[in-house]
């Protein structure tokens, strides 16, 4: 959630900054439109870059989670096999 909130804040902040810049800039309409287009492209590029970084980190976390799950599953399986074998040996020894 923190990454998503950060991205939202980043985008909203960029839009607010661009709007304030337009309102207080004493320029011709054509210059203002060019500046808006440039600002939008920069903001879009930054947002894409941040999204790519976030996706990469999420993939890394997912991969680590899968590794941890598989390792834990294997350890639990070995422990259960050991307990079952131990119980079988105890029953065999008690029956003899």
PDB file of N, CA and C in Angstrom:
ATOM      1  N   UNK A   1       0.814  -1.186   0.000  1.00  0.00           N
ATOM      2  CA  UNK A   1       0.000   0.000   0.000  1.00  0.00           C
ATOM      3  C   UNK A   1       0.862   1.256   0.000  1.00  0.00           C
ATOM      4  N   UNK A   2       2.007   1.228   0.675  1.00  0.00           N
ATOM      5  CA  UNK A   2       2.842   2.416   0.777  1.00  0.00           C
ATOM      6  C   UNK A   2       3.337   2.861  -0.591  1.00  0.00           C
ATOM      7  N   UNK A   3       3.732   1.940  -1.440  1.00  0.00           N
ATOM      8  CA  UNK A   3       4.210   2.291  -2.775  1.00  0.00           C
ATOM      9  C   UNK A   3       3.081   2.891  -3.594  1.00  0.00           C
ATOM     10  N   UNK A   4       1.895   2.324  -3.474  1.00  0.00           N
ATOM     11  CA  UNK A   4       0.740   2.837  -4.215  1.00  0.00           C
ATOM     12  C   UNK A   4       0.404   4.253  -3.745  1.00  0.00           C
ATOM     13  N   UNK A   5       0.437   4.490  -2.439  1.00  0.00           N
ATOM     14  CA  UNK A   5       0.166   5.820  -1.904  1.00  0.00           C
ATOM     15  C   UNK A   5       1.223   6.808  -2.362  1.00  0.00           C
ATOM     16  N   UNK A   6       2.475   6.343  -2.413  1.00  0.00           N
ATOM     17  CA  UNK A   6       3.554   7.225  -2.843  1.00  0.00           C
ATOM     18  C   UNK A   6       3.358   7.636  -4.297  1.00  0.00           C
ATOM     19  N   UNK A   7       2.997   6.688  -5.149  1.00  0.00           N
ATOM     20  CA  UNK A   7       2.788   6.979  -6.566  1.00  0.00           C
ATOM     21  C   UNK A   7       1.635   7.955  -6.729  1.00  0.00           C
ATOM     22  N   UNK A   8       0.542   7.725  -6.005  1.00  0.00           N
ATOM     23  CA  UNK A   8      -0.600   8.643  -6.087  1.00  0.00           C
ATOM     24  C   UNK A   8      -0.192  10.049  -5.664  1.00  0.00           C
ATOM     25  N   UNK A   9       0.536  10.154  -4.569  1.00  0.00           N
ATOM     26  CA  UNK A   9       0.998  11.460  -4.095  1.00  0.00           C
ATOM     27  C   UNK A   9       1.923  12.127  -5.085  1.00  0.00           C
ATOM     28  N   UNK A  10       2.776  11.330  -5.696  1.00  0.00           N
ATOM     29  CA  UNK A  10       3.702  11.853  -6.695  1.00  0.00           C
ATOM     30  C   UNK A  10       2.941  12.438  -7.894  1.00  0.00           C
ATOM     31  N   UNK A  11       1.965  11.707  -8.386  1.00  0.00           N
ATOM     32  CA  UNK A  11       1.189  12.150  -9.544  1.00  0.00           C
ATOM     33  C   UNK A  11       0.371  13.391  -9.200  1.00  0.00           C
ATOM     34  N   UNK A  12      -0.316  13.364  -8.060  1.00  0.00           N
ATOM     35  CA  UNK A  12      -1.132  14.512  -7.659  1.00  0.00           C
ATOM     36  C   UNK A  12      -0.251  15.741  -7.440  1.00  0.00           C
ATOM     37  N   UNK A  13       0.875  15.560  -6.792  1.00  0.00           N
ATOM     38  CA  UNK A  13       1.795  16.680  -6.581  1.00  0.00           C
ATOM     39  C   UNK A  13       2.297  17.264  -7.887  1.00  0.00           C
ATOM     40  N   UNK A  14       2.596  16.402  -8.834  1.00  0.00           N
ATOM     41  CA  UNK A  14       3.043  16.871 -10.144  1.00  0.00           C
ATOM     42  C   UNK A  14       1.962  17.657 -10.862  1.00  0.00           C
ATOM     43  N   UNK A  15       0.742  17.175 -10.787  1.00  0.00           N
ATOM     44  CA  UNK A  15      -0.369  17.884 -11.428  1.00  0.00           C
ATOM     45  C   UNK A  15      -0.621  19.240 -10.779  1.00  0.00           C
ATOM     46  N   UNK A  16      -0.578  19.291  -9.454  1.00  0.00           N
ATOM     47  CA  UNK A  16      -0.773  20.557  -8.750  1.00  0.00           C
ATOM     48  C   UNK A  16       0.336  21.535  -9.104  1.00  0.00           C
ATOM     49  N   UNK A  17       1.569  21.046  -9.123  1.00  0.00           N
ATOM     50  CA  UNK A  17       2.697  21.911  -9.481  1.00  0.00           C
ATOM     51  C   UNK A  17       2.580  22.440 -10.893  1.00  0.00           C
ATOM     52  N   UNK A  18       2.176  21.587 -11.819  1.00  0.00           N
ATOM     53  CA  UNK A  18       2.013  22.023 -13.205  1.00  0.00           C
ATOM     54  C   UNK A  18       0.897  23.059 -13.318  1.00  0.00           C
ATOM     55  N   UNK A  19      -0.205  22.846 -12.612  1.00  0.00           N
ATOM     56  CA  UNK A  19      -1.323  23.790 -12.664  1.00  0.00           C
ATOM     57  C   UNK A  19      -0.916  25.146 -12.100  1.00  0.00           C
ATOM     58  N   UNK A  20      -0.214  25.157 -10.976  1.00  0.00           N
ATOM     59  CA  UNK A  20       0.233  26.428 -10.398  1.00  0.00           C
ATOM     60  C   UNK A  20       1.219  27.134 -11.310  1.00  0.00           C
ATOM     61  N   UNK A  21       2.091  26.382 -11.929  1.00  0.00           N
ATOM     62  CA  UNK A  21       3.041  26.975 -12.870  1.00  0.00           C
ATOM     63  C   UNK A  21       2.334  27.630 -14.046  1.00  0.00           C
ATOM     64  N   UNK A  22       1.301  27.003 -14.530  1.00  0.00           N
ATOM     65  CA  UNK A  22       0.543  27.554 -15.662  1.00  0.00           C
ATOM     66  C   UNK A  22      -0.189  28.825 -15.244  1.00  0.00           C
ATOM     67  N   UNK A  23      -0.797  28.800 -14.075  1.00  0.00           N
ATOM     68  CA  UNK A  23      -1.582  29.947 -13.617  1.00  0.00           C
ATOM     69  C   UNK A  23      -0.730  31.197 -13.393  1.00  0.00           C
ATOM     70  N   UNK A  24       0.473  31.012 -12.943  1.00  0.00           N
ATOM     71  CA  UNK A  24       1.318  32.163 -12.615  1.00  0.00           C
ATOM     72  C   UNK A  24       2.366  32.497 -13.672  1.00  0.00           C
ATOM     73  N   UNK A  25       2.357  31.821 -14.784  1.00  0.00           N
ATOM     74  CA  UNK A  25       3.342  32.065 -15.834  1.00  0.00           C
ATOM     75  C   UNK A  25       2.806  33.098 -16.829  1.00  0.00           C
ATOM     76  N   UNK A  26       3.501  34.215 -16.975  1.00  0.00           N
ATOM     77  CA  UNK A  26       3.064  35.237 -17.942  1.00  0.00           C
ATOM     78  C   UNK A  26       3.598  34.923 -19.338  1.00  0.00           C
ATOM     79  N   UNK A  27       3.029  33.935 -19.997  1.00  0.00           N
ATOM     80  CA  UNK A  27       3.501  33.530 -21.315  1.00  0.00           C
ATOM     81  C   UNK A  27       2.337  33.494 -22.285  1.00  0.00           C
ATOM     82  N   UNK A  28       2.684  33.417 -23.575  1.00  0.00           N
ATOM     83  CA  UNK A  28       1.659  33.284 -24.613  1.00  0.00           C
ATOM     84  C   UNK A  28       1.016  31.909 -24.517  1.00  0.00           C
ATOM     85  N   UNK A  29      -0.146  31.771 -25.106  1.00  0.00           N
ATOM     86  CA  UNK A  29      -0.886  30.511 -25.081  1.00  0.00           C
ATOM     87  C   UNK A  29      -0.109  29.366 -25.693  1.00  0.00           C
ATOM     88  N   UNK A  30       0.564  29.634 -26.830  1.00  0.00           N
ATOM     89  CA  UNK A  30       1.319  28.576 -27.499  1.00  0.00           C
ATOM     90  C   UNK A  30       2.467  28.090 -26.621  1.00  0.00           C
ATOM     91  N   UNK A  31       3.174  29.023 -26.008  1.00  0.00           N
ATOM     92  CA  UNK A  31       4.275  28.655 -25.119  1.00  0.00           C
ATOM     93  C   UNK A  31       3.757  27.856 -23.918  1.00  0.00           C
ATOM     94  N   UNK A  32       2.627  28.297 -23.403  1.00  0.00           N
ATOM     95  CA  UNK A  32       2.040  27.604 -22.258  1.00  0.00           C
ATOM     96  C   UNK A  32       1.642  26.184 -22.632  1.00  0.00           C
ATOM     97  N   UNK A  33       1.037  26.006 -23.807  1.00  0.00           N
ATOM     98  CA  UNK A  33       0.638  24.669 -24.243  1.00  0.00           C
ATOM     99  C   UNK A  33       1.862  23.774 -24.438  1.00  0.00           C
ATOM    100  N   UNK A  34       2.923  24.327 -24.999  1.00  0.00           N
ATOM    101  CA  UNK A  34       4.145  23.544 -25.175  1.00  0.00           C
ATOM    102  C   UNK A  34       4.727  23.133 -23.813  1.00  0.00           C
ATOM    103  N   UNK A  35       4.680  24.073 -22.873  1.00  0.00           N
ATOM    104  CA  UNK A  35       5.197  23.786 -21.544  1.00  0.00           C
ATOM    105  C   UNK A  35       4.343  22.727 -20.843  1.00  0.00           C
ATOM    106  N   UNK A  36       3.026  22.818 -21.042  1.00  0.00           N
ATOM    107  CA  UNK A  36       2.128  21.815 -20.462  1.00  0.00           C
ATOM    108  C   UNK A  36       2.445  20.442 -21.045  1.00  0.00           C
ATOM    109  N   UNK A  37       2.600  20.370 -22.355  1.00  0.00           N
ATOM    110  CA  UNK A  37       2.896  19.096 -23.008  1.00  0.00           C
ATOM    111  C   UNK A  37       4.222  18.524 -22.502  1.00  0.00           C
ATOM    112  N   UNK A  38       5.214  19.393 -22.374  1.00  0.00           N
ATOM    113  CA  UNK A  38       6.523  18.948 -21.892  1.00  0.00           C
ATOM    114  C   UNK A  38       6.430  18.456 -20.444  1.00  0.00           C
ATOM    115  N   UNK A  39       5.726  19.207 -19.612  1.00  0.00           N
ATOM    116  CA  UNK A  39       5.569  18.819 -18.210  1.00  0.00           C
ATOM    117  C   UNK A  39       4.818  17.496 -18.096  1.00  0.00           C
ATOM    118  N   UNK A  40       3.788  17.335 -18.912  1.00  0.00           N
ATOM    119  CA  UNK A  40       3.024  16.093 -18.894  1.00  0.00           C
ATOM    120  C   UNK A  40       3.896  14.915 -19.290  1.00  0.00           C
ATOM    121  N   UNK A  41       4.713  15.083 -20.328  1.00  0.00           N
ATOM    122  CA  UNK A  41       5.590  14.006 -20.776  1.00  0.00           C
ATOM    123  C   UNK A  41       6.598  13.640 -19.688  1.00  0.00           C
ATOM    124  N   UNK A  42       7.164  14.654 -19.032  1.00  0.00           N
ATOM    125  CA  UNK A  42       8.124  14.394 -17.959  1.00  0.00           C
ATOM    126  C   UNK A  42       7.455  13.658 -16.799  1.00  0.00           C
ATOM    127  N   UNK A  43       6.259  14.106 -16.441  1.00  0.00           N
ATOM    128  CA  UNK A  43       5.530  13.467 -15.355  1.00  0.00           C
ATOM    129  C   UNK A  43       5.175  12.027 -15.715  1.00  0.00           C
ATOM    130  N   UNK A  44       4.732  11.818 -16.951  1.00  0.00           N
ATOM    131  CA  UNK A  44       4.394  10.473 -17.412  1.00  0.00           C
ATOM    132  C   UNK A  44       5.620   9.569 -17.369  1.00  0.00           C
ATOM    133  N   UNK A  45       6.762  10.082 -17.828  1.00  0.00           N
ATOM    134  CA  UNK A  45       7.995   9.288 -17.819  1.00  0.00           C
ATOM    135  C   UNK A  45       8.423   8.930 -16.393  1.00  0.00           C
ATOM    136  N   UNK A  46       8.309   9.899 -15.484  1.00  0.00           N
ATOM    137  CA  UNK A  46       8.670   9.633 -14.090  1.00  0.00           C
ATOM    138  C   UNK A  46       7.725   8.597 -13.481  1.00  0.00           C
ATOM    139  N   UNK A  47       6.439   8.720 -13.768  1.00  0.00           N
ATOM    140  CA  UNK A  47       5.460   7.770 -13.234  1.00  0.00           C
ATOM    141  C   UNK A  47       5.720   6.368 -13.789  1.00  0.00           C
ATOM    142  N   UNK A  48       6.034   6.269 -15.071  1.00  0.00           N
ATOM    143  CA  UNK A  48       6.342   4.959 -15.660  1.00  0.00           C
ATOM    144  C   UNK A  48       7.582   4.344 -15.029  1.00  0.00           C
ATOM    145  N   UNK A  49       8.592   5.186 -14.833  1.00  0.00           N
ATOM    146  CA  UNK A  49       9.833   4.717 -14.212  1.00  0.00           C
ATOM    147  C   UNK A  49       9.546   4.202 -12.804  1.00  0.00           C
ATOM    148  N   UNK A  50       8.775   4.964 -12.032  1.00  0.00           N
ATOM    149  CA  UNK A  50       8.448   4.550 -10.666  1.00  0.00           C
ATOM    150  C   UNK A  50       7.623   3.272 -10.672  1.00  0.00           C
ATOM    151  N   UNK A  51       6.705   3.164 -11.609  1.00  0.00           N
ATOM    152  CA  UNK A  51       5.886   1.950 -11.717  1.00  0.00           C
ATOM    153  C   UNK A  51       6.756   0.745 -12.056  1.00  0.00           C
ATOM    154  N   UNK A  52       7.698   0.928 -12.976  1.00  0.00           N
ATOM    155  CA  UNK A  52       8.610  -0.162 -13.327  1.00  0.00           C
ATOM    156  C   UNK A  52       9.431  -0.605 -12.115  1.00  0.00           C
ATOM    157  N   UNK A  53       9.939   0.366 -11.351  1.00  0.00           N
ATOM    158  CA  UNK A  53      10.723   0.030 -10.159  1.00  0.00           C
ATOM    159  C   UNK A  53       9.861  -0.715  -9.135  1.00  0.00           C
ATOM    160  N   UNK A  54       8.639  -0.246  -8.957  1.00  0.00           N
ATOM    161  CA  UNK A  54       7.732  -0.882  -8.005  1.00  0.00           C
ATOM    162  C   UNK A  54       7.412  -2.307  -8.437  1.00  0.00           C
ATOM    163  N   UNK A  55       7.143  -2.500  -9.718  1.00  0.00           N
ATOM    164  CA  UNK A  55       6.848  -3.845 -10.226  1.00  0.00           C
ATOM    165  C   UNK A  55       8.043  -4.775 -10.054  1.00  0.00           C
ATOM    166  N   UNK A  56       9.240  -4.261 -10.297  1.00  0.00           N
ATOM    167  CA  UNK A  56      10.450  -5.060 -10.126  1.00  0.00           C
ATOM    168  C   UNK A  56      10.597  -5.495  -8.667  1.00  0.00           C
ATOM    169  N   UNK A  57      10.381  -4.560  -7.745  1.00  0.00           N
ATOM    170  CA  UNK A  57      10.481  -4.893  -6.326  1.00  0.00           C
ATOM    171  C   UNK A  57       9.414  -5.895  -5.921  1.00  0.00           C
ATOM    172  N   UNK A  58       8.205  -5.734  -6.440  1.00  0.00           N
ATOM    173  CA  UNK A  58       7.118  -6.664  -6.117  1.00  0.00           C
ATOM    174  C   UNK A  58       7.455  -8.066  -6.631  1.00  0.00           C
ATOM    175  N   UNK A  59       8.040  -8.144  -7.830  1.00  0.00           N
ATOM    176  CA  UNK A  59       8.450  -9.443  -8.377  1.00  0.00           C
ATOM    177  C   UNK A  59       9.516 -10.089  -7.496  1.00  0.00           C
ATOM    178  N   UNK A  60      10.474  -9.269  -7.015  1.00  0.00           N
ATOM    179  CA  UNK A  60      11.518  -9.790  -6.142  1.00  0.00           C
ATOM    180  C   UNK A  60      10.915 -10.324  -4.835  1.00  0.00           C
ATOM    181  N   UNK A  61       9.984  -9.565  -4.253  1.00  0.00           N
ATOM    182  CA  UNK A  61       9.341 -10.012  -3.015  1.00  0.00           C
ATOM    183  C   UNK A  61       8.553 -11.290  -3.245  1.00  0.00           C
ATOM    184  N   UNK A  62       7.863 -11.376  -4.364  1.00  0.00           N
ATOM    185  CA  UNK A  62       7.086 -12.582  -4.675  1.00  0.00           C
ATOM    186  C   UNK A  62       8.022 -13.779  -4.830  1.00  0.00           C
ATOM    187  N   UNK A  63       9.142 -13.571  -5.492  1.00  0.00           N
ATOM    188  CA  UNK A  63      10.109 -14.647  -5.684  1.00  0.00           C
ATOM    189  C   UNK A  63      10.671 -15.118  -4.344  1.00  0.00           C
ATOM    190  N   UNK A  64      11.014 -14.165  -3.483  1.00  0.00           N
ATOM    191  CA  UNK A  64      11.523 -14.524  -2.158  1.00  0.00           C
ATOM    192  C   UNK A  64      10.464 -15.272  -1.357  1.00  0.00           C
ATOM    193  N   UNK A  65       9.233 -14.818  -1.462  1.00  0.00           N
ATOM    194  CA  UNK A  65       8.139 -15.475  -0.749  1.00  0.00           C
ATOM    195  C   UNK A  65       7.953 -16.907  -1.212  1.00  0.00           C
ATOM    196  N   UNK A  66       8.033 -17.132  -2.522  1.00  0.00           N
ATOM    197  CA  UNK A  66       7.900 -18.488  -3.062  1.00  0.00           C
ATOM    198  C   UNK A  66       9.040 -19.373  -2.583  1.00  0.00           C
ATOM    199  N   UNK A  67      10.265 -18.824  -2.579  1.00  0.00           N
ATOM    200  CA  UNK A  67      11.411 -19.593  -2.103  1.00  0.00           C
ATOM    201  C   UNK A  67      11.233 -19.970  -0.636  1.00  0.00           C
ATOM    202  N   UNK A  68      10.826 -19.012   0.171  1.00  0.00           N
ATOM    203  CA  UNK A  68      10.618 -19.267   1.599  1.00  0.00           C
ATOM    204  C   UNK A  68       9.537 -20.318   1.797  1.00  0.00           C
ATOM    205  N   UNK A  69       8.453 -20.202   1.062  1.00  0.00           N
ATOM    206  CA  UNK A  69       7.362 -21.174   1.160  1.00  0.00           C
ATOM    207  C   UNK A  69       7.850 -22.576   0.806  1.00  0.00           C
ATOM    208  N   UNK A  70       8.569 -22.697  -0.308  1.00  0.00           N
ATOM    209  CA  UNK A  70       9.044 -24.011  -0.743  1.00  0.00           C
ATOM    210  C   UNK A  70      10.033 -24.612   0.259  1.00  0.00           C
ATOM    211  N   UNK A  71      10.936 -23.775   0.799  1.00  0.00           N
ATOM    212  CA  UNK A  71      11.892 -24.270   1.787  1.00  0.00           C
ATOM    213  C   UNK A  71      11.171 -24.725   3.058  1.00  0.00           C
ATOM    214  N   UNK A  72      10.216 -23.928   3.493  1.00  0.00           N
ATOM    215  CA  UNK A  72       9.465 -24.267   4.708  1.00  0.00           C
ATOM    216  C   UNK A  72       8.643 -25.529   4.500  1.00  0.00           C
ATOM    217  N   UNK A  73       8.033 -25.643   3.343  1.00  0.00           N
ATOM    218  CA  UNK A  73       7.228 -26.825   3.024  1.00  0.00           C
ATOM    219  C   UNK A  73       8.098 -28.077   3.061  1.00  0.00           C
ATOM    220  N   UNK A  74       9.299 -27.975   2.513  1.00  0.00           N
ATOM    221  CA  UNK A  74      10.212 -29.114   2.490  1.00  0.00           C
ATOM    222  C   UNK A  74      10.641 -29.491   3.905  1.00  0.00           C
ATOM    223  N   UNK A  75      10.941 -28.494   4.741  1.00  0.00           N
ATOM    224  CA  UNK A  75      11.352 -28.768   6.125  1.00  0.00           C
ATOM    225  C   UNK A  75      10.220 -29.422   6.913  1.00  0.00           C
ATOM    226  N   UNK A  76       9.015 -28.918   6.747  1.00  0.00           N
ATOM    227  CA  UNK A  76       7.871 -29.495   7.458  1.00  0.00           C
ATOM    228  C   UNK A  76       7.625 -30.927   6.989  1.00  0.00           C
ATOM    229  N   UNK A  77       7.739 -31.146   5.700  1.00  0.00           N
ATOM    230  CA  UNK A  77       7.542 -32.488   5.157  1.00  0.00           C
ATOM    231  C   UNK A  77       8.567 -33.466   5.729  1.00  0.00           C
ATOM    232  N   UNK A  78       9.821 -33.033   5.801  1.00  0.00           N
ATOM    233  CA  UNK A  78      10.865 -33.891   6.379  1.00  0.00           C
ATOM    234  C   UNK A  78      10.592 -34.168   7.845  1.00  0.00           C
ATOM    235  N   UNK A  79      10.152 -33.139   8.577  1.00  0.00           N
ATOM    236  CA  UNK A  79       9.864 -33.321   9.999  1.00  0.00           C
ATOM    237  C   UNK A  79       8.706 -34.292  10.189  1.00  0.00           C
ATOM    238  N   UNK A  80       7.678 -34.168   9.375  1.00  0.00           N
ATOM    239  CA  UNK A  80       6.539 -35.086   9.478  1.00  0.00           C
ATOM    240  C   UNK A  80       6.943 -36.514   9.126  1.00  0.00           C
ATOM    241  N   UNK A  81       7.761 -36.666   8.096  1.00  0.00           N
ATOM    242  CA  UNK A  81       8.252 -38.001   7.729  1.00  0.00           C
ATOM    243  C   UNK A  81       9.064 -38.609   8.872  1.00  0.00           C
ATOM    244  N   UNK A  82       9.905 -37.798   9.490  1.00  0.00           N
ATOM    245  CA  UNK A  82      10.720 -38.271  10.611  1.00  0.00           C
ATOM    246  C   UNK A  82       9.827 -38.724  11.767  1.00  0.00           C
ATOM    247  N   UNK A  83       8.820 -37.905  12.088  1.00  0.00           N
ATOM    248  CA  UNK A  83       7.900 -38.259  13.187  1.00  0.00           C
ATOM    249  C   UNK A  83       7.133 -39.545  12.872  1.00  0.00           C
ATOM    250  N   UNK A  84       6.679 -39.663  11.635  1.00  0.00           N
ATOM    251  CA  UNK A  84       5.941 -40.867  11.247  1.00  0.00           C
ATOM    252  C   UNK A  84       6.841 -42.088  11.337  1.00  0.00           C
ATOM    253  N   UNK A  85       8.079 -41.965  10.902  1.00  0.00           N
ATOM    254  CA  UNK A  85       9.032 -43.074  10.966  1.00  0.00           C
ATOM    255  C   UNK A  85       9.321 -43.426  12.427  1.00  0.00           C
ATOM    256  N   UNK A  86       9.501 -42.414  13.237  1.00  0.00           N
ATOM    257  CA  UNK A  86       9.778 -42.629  14.660  1.00  0.00           C
ATOM    258  C   UNK A  86       8.603 -43.334  15.325  1.00  0.00           C
ATOM    259  N   UNK A  87       7.394 -42.928  15.022  1.00  0.00           N
ATOM    260  CA  UNK A  87       6.196 -43.562  15.597  1.00  0.00           C
ATOM    261  C   UNK A  87       6.099 -45.016  15.146  1.00  0.00           C
ATOM    262  N   UNK A  88       6.397 -45.277  13.881  1.00  0.00           N
ATOM    263  CA  UNK A  88       6.345 -46.646  13.348  1.00  0.00           C
ATOM    264  C   UNK A  88       7.366 -47.524  14.062  1.00  0.00           C
ATOM    265  N   UNK A  89       8.577 -46.972  14.279  1.00  0.00           N
ATOM    266  CA  UNK A  89       9.628 -47.734  14.972  1.00  0.00           C
ATOM    267  C   UNK A  89       9.236 -48.011  16.415  1.00  0.00           C
ATOM    268  N   UNK A  90       8.615 -47.047  17.074  1.00  0.00           N
ATOM    269  CA  UNK A  90       8.200 -47.230  18.469  1.00  0.00           C
ATOM    270  C   UNK A  90       7.121 -48.293  18.570  1.00  0.00           C
ATOM    271  N   UNK A  91       6.186 -48.291  17.608  1.00  0.00           N
ATOM    272  CA  UNK A  91       5.124 -49.299  17.608  1.00  0.00           C
ATOM    273  C   UNK A  91       5.693 -50.693  17.341  1.00  0.00           C
ATOM    274  N   UNK A  92       6.662 -50.737  16.432  1.00  0.00           N
ATOM    275  CA  UNK A  92       7.300 -52.026  16.122  1.00  0.00           C
ATOM    276  C   UNK A  92       8.066 -52.541  17.322  1.00  0.00           C
ATOM    277  N   UNK A  93       8.759 -51.673  18.019  1.00  0.00           N
ATOM    278  CA  UNK A  93       9.553 -52.074  19.181  1.00  0.00           C
ATOM    279  C   UNK A  93       8.624 -52.494  20.321  1.00  0.00           C
ATOM    280  N   UNK A  94       7.493 -51.837  20.460  1.00  0.00           N
ATOM    281  CA  UNK A  94       6.541 -52.173  21.518  1.00  0.00           C
ATOM    282  C   UNK A  94       5.821 -53.467  21.239  1.00  0.00           C
ATOM    283  N   UNK A  95       5.628 -53.823  19.991  1.00  0.00           N
ATOM    284  CA  UNK A  95       4.913 -55.043  19.631  1.00  0.00           C
ATOM    285  C   UNK A  95       5.816 -56.274  19.748  1.00  0.00           C
ATOM    286  N   UNK A  96       7.117 -56.066  19.722  1.00  0.00           N
ATOM    287  CA  UNK A  96       8.036 -57.207  19.769  1.00  0.00           C
ATOM    288  C   UNK A  96       8.172 -57.813  21.109  1.00  0.00           C
TER     289      UNK A  96
END
